[in-house]
Amino acid sequence: MIIFQVEACLFKVHKYFLVRESKVFETLFQLPPGDDTAEGQDDHRPVYLPEVTVREFESLMHFLYYGMFDNCGVTLPQWIDILRVSKLFVCDNLVDRAIKEIHQHRPRIDPVEKIVLAVRHNIADWLAPSYAAICQRAQPLNSEEGHKLRLETTVLLARAREAVRQDHVSRTESRQAQGAGGRGGGRTGTSRTTTSSALPEPEPEPRPSSASSWQGWEGWTVPDSEDPFDPQRVAEIVDEVFKALDEERAT
């Protein structure tokens, strides 16, 4: 057993779990043992973890001790805690598991919060779908969301949202014009839809794992809604807008 201090709380933990999952703790506990006064042996000399909160460490311990059992009920906020701590302590398997559980959670995590997490933890695969979700939703970004996303991303998302709506209007008018021409006996044009083979296929709806508890969390999740625009076109427009930024940075 090893004793840790997190903020003002002490935790007595089986070091087996930490050595198994964390490269940081594996290296730490491979150091030659000292005398009886070595850190972590008693309450007076615990191993101090300065960059972790009590809530985050409790979330990590909850999964390490009970995650193998069905219905252990890890919540979305706990998975987010586990993601941060696992990144900090280089727990690669736990990072992958947390990313999967957060991504598949239903109700879905708010795309703004997902972008913030993606940037913070370098999860590039979350960015484009989250940008597209913001372009699809009815409400524009508010000032609080803009502050979270930073100015550059907020401006690009506003540009993408406007482009999505202009594209939708243009395509609707084109279809209406073609329909009117067809009814009048005139020659109708052939519409061409641009597609991109690089865009991902829609994901099948996930099911909760035995370790997770799915429920709504105020400030974290949003209800599902029907997409009012063509998801393929939205994905293409998002790709075009943000690719232009990458090209500008490269020049």
Protein backbone atom coordinates (compact mmCIF):
# COMPACT_ATOMS: atom_id res chain seq x y z
CA MET A 1 0.00 0.00 0.00
CA ILE A 2 1.08 3.56 -0.62
CA ILE A 3 -0.24 6.77 0.91
CA PHE A 4 -0.87 9.82 -1.27
CA GLN A 5 -1.81 13.36 -0.34
CA VAL A 6 -4.15 15.11 -2.74
CA GLU A 7 -4.97 18.64 -1.63
CA ALA A 8 -5.78 18.18 2.09
CA CYS A 9 -6.86 14.51 1.84
CA LEU A 10 -4.89 11.30 2.30
CA PHE A 11 -5.50 8.20 0.17
CA LYS A 12 -4.17 4.72 0.99
CA VAL A 13 -4.00 2.87 -2.32
CA HIS A 14 -2.78 -0.49 -3.59
CA LYS A 15 0.17 0.47 -5.73
CA TYR A 16 -0.45 -2.55 -7.97
CA PHE A 17 -3.18 -0.67 -9.86
CA LEU A 18 -1.00 2.38 -10.42
CA VAL A 19 2.06 0.40 -11.50
CA ARG A 20 -0.10 -1.60 -13.93
CA GLU A 21 -1.68 1.44 -15.58
CA SER A 22 0.78 4.34 -15.20
CA LYS A 23 4.25 4.70 -16.65
CA VAL A 24 4.91 7.52 -14.20
CA PHE A 25 4.13 5.41 -11.13
CA GLU A 26 5.84 2.36 -12.60
CA THR A 27 9.06 4.36 -12.82
CA LEU A 28 8.52 5.92 -9.39
CA PHE A 29 8.07 2.60 -7.62
CA GLN A 30 11.02 1.00 -9.40
CA LEU A 31 13.36 3.34 -7.54
CA PRO A 32 15.43 1.64 -4.83
CA PRO A 33 13.48 1.48 -1.55
CA GLY A 34 14.67 3.73 1.22
CA ASP A 35 14.34 3.38 4.96
CA ASP A 36 11.11 3.34 6.97
CA THR A 37 10.80 7.10 6.64
CA ALA A 38 10.46 6.98 2.84
CA GLU A 39 7.56 8.91 1.36
CA GLY A 40 4.27 7.07 1.17
CA GLN A 41 4.86 4.71 4.07
CA ASP A 42 2.81 6.56 6.67
CA ASP A 43 0.45 9.49 7.13
CA HIS A 44 3.27 11.80 8.14
CA ARG A 45 5.22 11.43 4.88
CA PRO A 46 2.72 10.81 2.08
CA VAL A 47 3.50 11.07 -1.62
CA TYR A 48 2.20 14.51 -2.54
CA LEU A 49 0.37 14.92 -5.87
CA PRO A 50 0.19 18.68 -6.45
CA GLU A 51 -1.48 18.78 -9.89
CA VAL A 52 -4.54 16.67 -9.07
CA THR A 53 -7.80 17.52 -7.30
CA VAL A 54 -9.51 15.27 -4.77
CA ARG A 55 -12.45 14.80 -7.14
CA GLU A 56 -10.17 13.75 -10.01
CA PHE A 57 -8.24 11.28 -7.89
CA GLU A 58 -11.45 9.81 -6.48
CA SER A 59 -12.76 9.33 -10.03
CA LEU A 60 -9.56 7.54 -11.00
CA MET A 61 -9.65 5.30 -7.94
CA HIS A 62 -13.32 4.51 -8.48
CA PHE A 63 -12.59 3.14 -11.93
CA LEU A 64 -9.37 1.34 -10.97
CA TYR A 65 -11.06 -0.45 -8.07
CA TYR A 66 -14.54 -1.04 -9.48
CA GLY A 67 -14.31 -0.60 -13.26
CA MET A 68 -14.01 -4.35 -13.84
CA PHE A 69 -17.47 -4.91 -12.35
CA ASP A 70 -20.78 -4.45 -14.17
CA ASN A 71 -22.78 -1.35 -13.33
CA CYS A 72 -19.95 0.43 -11.54
CA GLY A 73 -21.62 3.60 -12.83
CA VAL A 74 -18.79 5.87 -14.01
CA THR A 75 -20.46 9.15 -14.98
CA LEU A 76 -19.53 11.59 -17.75
CA PRO A 77 -17.88 14.10 -15.34
CA GLN A 78 -15.88 11.21 -13.86
CA TRP A 79 -14.69 10.10 -17.31
CA ILE A 80 -13.56 13.66 -17.98
CA ASP A 81 -11.65 13.61 -14.68
CA ILE A 82 -10.14 10.23 -15.58
CA LEU A 83 -9.04 11.57 -18.96
CA ARG A 84 -7.13 14.47 -17.42
CA VAL A 85 -5.47 12.43 -14.68
CA SER A 86 -4.62 9.59 -17.07
CA LYS A 87 -2.93 12.06 -19.40
CA LEU A 88 -1.00 13.51 -16.48
CA PHE A 89 0.22 10.14 -15.22
CA VAL A 90 0.71 8.59 -18.71
CA CYS A 91 -1.95 5.88 -18.35
CA ASP A 92 -2.28 5.13 -22.04
CA ASN A 93 -4.96 2.44 -21.77
CA LEU A 94 -7.09 4.60 -19.50
CA VAL A 95 -6.72 7.58 -21.84
CA ASP A 96 -8.02 5.49 -24.74
CA ARG A 97 -10.90 4.16 -22.63
CA ALA A 98 -11.90 7.63 -21.40
CA ILE A 99 -11.81 9.05 -24.94
CA LYS A 100 -14.09 6.25 -26.15
CA GLU A 101 -16.56 6.58 -23.26
CA ILE A 102 -16.82 10.38 -23.56
CA HIS A 103 -17.28 10.21 -27.33
CA GLN A 104 -20.01 7.56 -27.13
CA HIS A 105 -21.90 9.04 -24.19
CA ARG A 106 -25.60 9.73 -24.67
CA PRO A 107 -26.96 12.38 -24.37
CA ARG A 108 -24.03 13.70 -26.39
CA ILE A 109 -21.49 15.99 -24.81
CA ASP A 110 -21.93 19.64 -25.76
CA PRO A 111 -19.79 20.22 -28.90
CA VAL A 112 -18.28 23.37 -27.39
CA GLU A 113 -17.10 21.43 -24.35
CA LYS A 114 -15.87 18.64 -26.61
CA ILE A 115 -13.75 21.10 -28.61
CA VAL A 116 -12.28 22.48 -25.39
CA LEU A 117 -11.38 18.94 -24.25
CA ALA A 118 -10.02 18.06 -27.70
CA VAL A 119 -7.69 21.06 -27.72
CA ARG A 120 -6.62 20.55 -24.12
CA HIS A 121 -5.86 16.85 -24.55
CA ASN A 122 -4.84 16.81 -28.24
CA ILE A 123 -7.75 14.70 -29.54
CA ALA A 124 -7.81 15.81 -33.17
CA ASP A 125 -10.56 13.38 -34.24
CA TRP A 126 -13.12 15.23 -32.12
CA LEU A 127 -12.66 18.62 -33.75
CA ALA A 128 -14.31 18.42 -37.19
CA PRO A 129 -17.49 16.61 -36.00
CA SER A 130 -17.85 19.13 -33.17
CA TYR A 131 -17.40 22.06 -35.55
CA ALA A 132 -20.08 20.51 -37.78
CA ALA A 133 -22.47 20.10 -34.83
CA ILE A 134 -22.13 23.80 -33.98
CA CYS A 135 -22.81 24.69 -37.62
CA GLN A 136 -25.95 22.55 -37.58
CA ARG A 137 -27.50 23.86 -34.39
CA ALA A 138 -30.01 26.70 -34.44
CA GLN A 139 -28.35 28.91 -31.82
CA PRO A 140 -25.22 30.90 -32.69
CA LEU A 141 -22.27 30.90 -30.33
CA ASN A 142 -22.77 33.12 -27.29
CA SER A 143 -20.11 35.20 -25.58
CA GLU A 144 -19.34 32.57 -22.92
CA GLU A 145 -18.83 29.89 -25.57
CA GLY A 146 -16.71 32.26 -27.63
CA HIS A 147 -14.49 32.87 -24.61
CA LYS A 148 -14.01 29.11 -24.16
CA LEU A 149 -13.17 28.55 -27.83
CA ARG A 150 -10.90 31.59 -28.25
CA LEU A 151 -11.27 34.27 -30.90
CA GLU A 152 -9.79 32.52 -33.93
CA THR A 153 -11.94 29.39 -33.63
CA THR A 154 -15.06 31.45 -32.88
CA VAL A 155 -14.56 33.57 -36.01
CA LEU A 156 -14.02 30.51 -38.19
CA LEU A 157 -17.10 28.80 -36.81
CA ALA A 158 -19.18 31.91 -37.49
CA ARG A 159 -17.83 31.90 -41.06
CA ALA A 160 -18.64 28.20 -41.46
CA ARG A 161 -22.16 28.61 -40.04
CA GLU A 162 -22.88 31.42 -42.50
CA ALA A 163 -21.48 29.39 -45.41
CA VAL A 164 -23.65 26.41 -44.47
CA ARG A 165 -26.79 28.55 -44.50
CA GLN A 166 -25.91 30.30 -47.75
CA ASP A 167 -25.19 26.94 -49.37
CA HIS A 168 -28.53 25.59 -48.13
CA VAL A 169 -30.44 28.57 -49.56
CA SER A 170 -28.59 28.34 -52.89
CA ARG A 171 -29.29 24.62 -53.26
CA THR A 172 -32.94 25.04 -52.30
CA GLU A 173 -33.43 27.81 -54.88
CA SER A 174 -31.65 25.73 -57.52
CA ARG A 175 -33.92 22.74 -56.91
CA GLN A 176 -37.00 24.96 -57.01
CA ALA A 177 -35.88 26.52 -60.31
CA GLN A 178 -35.22 23.10 -61.82
CA GLY A 179 -38.63 21.92 -60.66
CA ALA A 180 -40.34 24.93 -62.22
CA GLY A 181 -38.47 24.38 -65.48
CA GLY A 182 -39.48 20.72 -65.55
CA ARG A 183 -43.16 21.56 -65.08
CA GLY A 184 -42.95 24.06 -67.97
CA GLY A 185 -41.56 21.44 -70.31
CA GLY A 186 -38.18 23.12 -70.55
CA ARG A 187 -34.86 21.45 -70.31
CA THR A 188 -33.69 20.89 -66.78
CA GLY A 189 -30.10 21.03 -65.75
CA THR A 190 -28.22 18.25 -64.07
CA SER A 191 -27.23 19.05 -60.52
CA ARG A 192 -23.81 18.01 -59.37
CA THR A 193 -23.07 17.21 -55.78
CA THR A 194 -19.50 17.38 -54.62
CA THR A 195 -18.51 14.53 -52.37
CA SER A 196 -15.32 13.78 -50.55
CA SER A 197 -14.13 10.21 -50.09
CA ALA A 198 -12.04 11.37 -47.14
CA LEU A 199 -15.08 12.26 -45.06
CA PRO A 200 -15.97 9.63 -42.44
CA GLU A 201 -19.06 7.47 -42.68
CA PRO A 202 -21.77 8.05 -40.06
CA GLU A 203 -21.08 6.09 -36.90
CA PRO A 204 -23.56 3.48 -35.67
CA GLU A 205 -25.36 4.40 -32.48
CA PRO A 206 -23.31 3.12 -29.51
CA ARG A 207 -24.55 1.28 -26.47
CA PRO A 208 -23.37 2.06 -22.94
CA SER A 209 -20.52 -0.07 -21.64
CA SER A 210 -20.96 -1.97 -18.41
CA ALA A 211 -18.79 0.60 -16.62
CA SER A 212 -20.70 3.72 -17.64
CA SER A 213 -23.77 5.52 -16.38
CA TRP A 214 -25.51 7.45 -19.16
CA GLN A 215 -27.57 10.46 -18.12
CA GLY A 216 -27.92 14.14 -18.85
CA TRP A 217 -25.54 16.52 -17.11
CA GLU A 218 -26.35 20.21 -17.02
CA GLY A 219 -23.58 22.20 -18.64
CA TRP A 220 -22.04 19.10 -20.21
CA THR A 221 -24.62 17.37 -22.39
CA VAL A 222 -27.12 18.50 -25.03
CA PRO A 223 -30.24 16.74 -26.29
CA ASP A 224 -30.17 15.15 -29.72
CA SER A 225 -31.82 17.19 -32.46
CA GLU A 226 -32.58 16.67 -36.12
CA ASP A 227 -29.89 18.02 -38.43
CA PRO A 228 -31.56 20.72 -40.58
CA PHE A 229 -28.78 20.74 -43.18
CA ASP A 230 -27.11 18.11 -45.33
CA PRO A 231 -24.45 16.58 -43.03
CA GLN A 232 -22.18 15.80 -45.97
CA ARG A 233 -22.18 19.40 -47.17
CA VAL A 234 -21.70 20.69 -43.64
CA ALA A 235 -18.64 18.44 -43.23
CA GLU A 236 -17.24 19.65 -46.56
CA ILE A 237 -17.74 23.32 -45.69
CA VAL A 238 -16.14 22.88 -42.27
CA ASP A 239 -13.20 21.15 -43.93
CA GLU A 240 -12.84 23.99 -46.46
CA VAL A 241 -13.02 26.77 -43.86
CA PHE A 242 -10.56 25.24 -41.43
CA LYS A 243 -8.24 23.97 -44.16
CA ALA A 244 -7.95 27.55 -45.41
CA LEU A 245 -6.67 28.52 -41.98
CA ASP A 246 -4.06 25.77 -42.07
CA GLU A 247 -2.91 26.96 -45.49
CA GLU A 248 -2.65 30.55 -44.28
CA ARG A 249 -0.52 29.42 -41.35
CA ALA A 250 1.75 27.44 -43.67
CA THR A 251 2.53 30.42 -45.91
